[in-house]
Amino acid sequence: MTETELSDVRVDHVGIAVESVADAEPLLELLGAEKLVHETDPTGAFRWAYYRLGDASRVELIEPVDGEESFLTDFLAERGPGMHHVTLEVADMDAAVDALDAGGVRVVDRTDYDEWSEAFVSPRNPTGVLFQLMEYREPFEDGRPGSERLYIGGKKLSE
């Protein structure tokens, strides 16, 4: 990636796999976190709760939906609760994926929704970390807290 492309990426949040948001949430509250949303993934396989810490940091707790087998239930069975992924907001998903592909980095599971696009960098990379790439679009804000709480300084990278 070039220097220009690197400036169009920022850490959006860290995702933590938990058995239960209700059980994990008190710790985040003690750390001063404010819950922004708690909703079910469009696939119905898991729920996420999104928290703001201070002015710019965010944490996401992801929990399985009762009775649903998914990547998350497999993850929890194998590793237990803990860090699941680091989400990077990108201003242009196509450009980010092209740059990673050109660099020989494997990008998997790209999905485009009305509100956002996401893709994952396989954790079979030198860091061992699953990176989620996200490009947000206007409808993402619908029914959620205002943009001043969802983005850094109220702005998406694409603005």
Protein backbone atom coordinates (compact mmCIF):
# COMPACT_ATOMS: atom_id res chain seq x y z
CA MET A 1 0.00 0.00 0.00
CA THR A 2 1.19 3.50 -0.66
CA GLU A 3 1.49 6.22 1.94
CA THR A 4 -1.70 7.85 0.59
CA GLU A 5 -3.68 4.61 0.91
CA LEU A 6 -2.46 4.10 4.47
CA SER A 7 -3.87 7.49 5.47
CA ASP A 8 -7.32 6.27 4.38
CA VAL A 9 -7.46 3.54 7.05
CA ARG A 10 -8.13 3.85 10.78
CA VAL A 11 -8.87 1.50 13.63
CA ASP A 12 -12.63 1.58 14.12
CA HIS A 13 -13.02 -0.92 16.96
CA VAL A 14 -11.79 -4.12 18.56
CA GLY A 15 -14.21 -7.04 18.57
CA ILE A 16 -14.32 -9.33 21.59
CA ALA A 17 -16.10 -12.69 21.49
CA VAL A 18 -18.16 -13.40 24.62
CA GLU A 19 -20.70 -15.98 25.67
CA SER A 20 -23.01 -13.23 26.92
CA VAL A 21 -23.00 -9.47 26.45
CA ALA A 22 -25.02 -9.13 29.67
CA ASP A 23 -22.25 -10.90 31.62
CA ALA A 24 -19.39 -8.95 30.01
CA GLU A 25 -20.97 -5.51 29.90
CA PRO A 26 -20.50 -4.60 33.60
CA LEU A 27 -16.71 -4.62 33.13
CA LEU A 28 -16.96 -2.21 30.20
CA GLU A 29 -19.28 0.01 32.24
CA LEU A 30 -16.74 0.09 35.08
CA LEU A 31 -14.16 1.21 32.51
CA GLY A 32 -16.48 4.08 31.55
CA ALA A 33 -17.86 2.62 28.33
CA GLU A 34 -21.15 3.88 26.95
CA LYS A 35 -23.31 1.42 24.99
CA LEU A 36 -24.31 2.77 21.60
CA VAL A 37 -26.15 -0.16 20.02
CA HIS A 38 -27.03 -3.82 20.63
CA GLU A 39 -28.40 -5.52 17.56
CA THR A 40 -28.45 -8.76 15.61
CA ASP A 41 -26.21 -9.34 12.61
CA PRO A 42 -28.08 -9.36 9.26
CA THR A 43 -27.37 -13.11 8.97
CA GLY A 44 -28.99 -13.79 12.36
CA ALA A 45 -25.96 -15.78 13.56
CA PHE A 46 -24.81 -13.40 16.30
CA ARG A 47 -25.53 -10.13 18.11
CA TRP A 48 -23.17 -7.27 18.68
CA ALA A 49 -23.07 -4.50 21.23
CA TYR A 50 -21.03 -1.45 20.36
CA TYR A 51 -19.47 0.75 23.08
CA ARG A 52 -17.70 4.08 23.05
CA LEU A 53 -14.78 4.74 25.37
CA GLY A 54 -13.74 8.38 25.65
CA ASP A 55 -13.74 10.47 22.51
CA ALA A 56 -12.58 8.01 19.88
CA SER A 57 -12.12 4.45 21.11
CA ARG A 58 -14.73 1.77 20.56
CA VAL A 59 -15.14 -1.85 21.63
CA GLU A 60 -17.60 -4.37 20.25
CA LEU A 61 -18.84 -7.40 22.17
CA ILE A 62 -20.13 -10.20 19.96
CA GLU A 63 -22.28 -12.99 21.34
CA PRO A 64 -23.86 -16.03 19.70
CA VAL A 65 -27.61 -16.19 19.18
CA ASP A 66 -29.08 -18.99 21.30
CA GLY A 67 -29.32 -22.26 19.40
CA GLU A 68 -27.48 -20.99 16.30
CA GLU A 69 -24.25 -22.70 15.26
CA SER A 70 -21.86 -20.22 13.69
CA PHE A 71 -18.25 -19.15 13.33
CA LEU A 72 -18.68 -17.53 16.75
CA THR A 73 -19.85 -20.65 18.58
CA ASP A 74 -16.91 -22.50 16.97
CA PHE A 75 -14.51 -19.74 18.05
CA LEU A 76 -15.79 -19.74 21.64
CA ALA A 77 -15.69 -23.56 21.86
CA GLU A 78 -12.10 -23.64 20.63
CA ARG A 79 -10.61 -20.54 22.28
CA GLY A 80 -13.09 -19.25 24.85
CA PRO A 81 -13.92 -15.56 25.27
CA GLY A 82 -11.35 -13.07 24.04
CA MET A 83 -10.24 -10.82 21.25
CA HIS A 84 -11.83 -11.90 17.98
CA HIS A 85 -10.93 -9.20 15.45
CA VAL A 86 -9.67 -5.68 14.82
CA THR A 87 -11.91 -3.61 12.55
CA LEU A 88 -10.34 -1.07 10.24
CA GLU A 89 -12.51 1.56 8.58
CA VAL A 90 -11.48 2.14 4.99
CA ALA A 91 -12.61 4.99 2.76
CA ASP A 92 -12.68 2.81 -0.36
CA MET A 93 -13.18 -0.95 0.02
CA ASP A 94 -12.28 -1.75 -3.58
CA ALA A 95 -8.99 0.16 -3.35
CA ALA A 96 -8.12 -1.43 0.02
CA VAL A 97 -8.84 -4.96 -1.22
CA ASP A 98 -6.92 -4.34 -4.45
CA ALA A 99 -3.89 -3.06 -2.50
CA LEU A 100 -3.93 -6.08 -0.18
CA ASP A 101 -4.33 -8.49 -3.10
CA ALA A 102 -1.43 -6.81 -4.89
CA GLY A 103 0.65 -7.26 -1.74
CA GLY A 104 -0.13 -10.97 -1.61
CA VAL A 105 -2.45 -10.72 1.40
CA ARG A 106 -5.47 -13.04 1.36
CA VAL A 107 -8.81 -11.23 1.68
CA VAL A 108 -11.80 -13.48 2.41
CA ASP A 109 -15.56 -13.24 2.93
CA ARG A 110 -16.35 -9.90 1.32
CA THR A 111 -20.01 -8.89 1.69
CA ASP A 112 -21.79 -5.74 0.54
CA TYR A 113 -24.84 -4.57 2.49
CA ASP A 114 -26.88 -1.39 1.90
CA GLU A 115 -25.29 0.24 4.96
CA TRP A 116 -21.73 -1.03 4.70
CA SER A 117 -19.26 -3.29 2.96
CA GLU A 118 -17.01 -5.64 4.87
CA ALA A 119 -14.18 -7.99 4.07
CA PHE A 120 -11.81 -9.98 6.23
CA VAL A 121 -8.07 -10.47 6.08
CA SER A 122 -7.37 -14.09 6.87
CA PRO A 123 -5.73 -14.53 10.27
CA ARG A 124 -3.25 -16.78 8.50
CA ASN A 125 -1.05 -13.73 8.12
CA PRO A 126 2.16 -12.84 10.01
CA THR A 127 0.20 -11.09 12.82
CA GLY A 128 -2.22 -13.98 13.42
CA VAL A 129 -4.99 -11.37 13.77
CA LEU A 130 -8.31 -11.40 11.92
CA PHE A 131 -8.74 -7.93 10.44
CA GLN A 132 -12.20 -6.81 9.38
CA LEU A 133 -12.30 -4.04 6.80
CA MET A 134 -15.41 -1.81 6.86
CA GLU A 135 -16.59 0.88 4.49
CA TYR A 136 -19.65 2.66 5.91
CA ARG A 137 -22.39 4.21 3.76
CA GLU A 138 -25.09 6.75 4.62
CA PRO A 139 -27.87 4.35 5.72
CA PHE A 140 -25.55 2.97 8.46
CA GLU A 141 -26.59 5.85 10.71
CA ASP A 142 -30.32 5.16 10.39
CA GLY A 143 -31.77 4.11 13.75
CA ARG A 144 -28.41 4.41 15.52
CA PRO A 145 -26.84 7.15 17.63
CA GLY A 146 -25.77 10.23 15.67
CA SER A 147 -22.65 10.29 13.57
CA GLU A 148 -20.79 12.25 16.24
CA ARG A 149 -20.87 9.06 18.30
CA LEU A 150 -20.30 6.51 15.54
CA TYR A 151 -17.33 8.10 13.81
CA ILE A 152 -14.20 10.01 14.74
CA GLY A 153 -15.11 13.68 14.94
CA GLY A 154 -18.50 12.77 13.50
CA LYS A 155 -16.98 11.88 10.12
CA LYS A 156 -16.43 8.72 8.15
CA LEU A 157 -13.12 8.40 6.35
CA SER A 158 -14.89 8.96 3.04
CA GLU A 159 -15.98 12.49 4.08
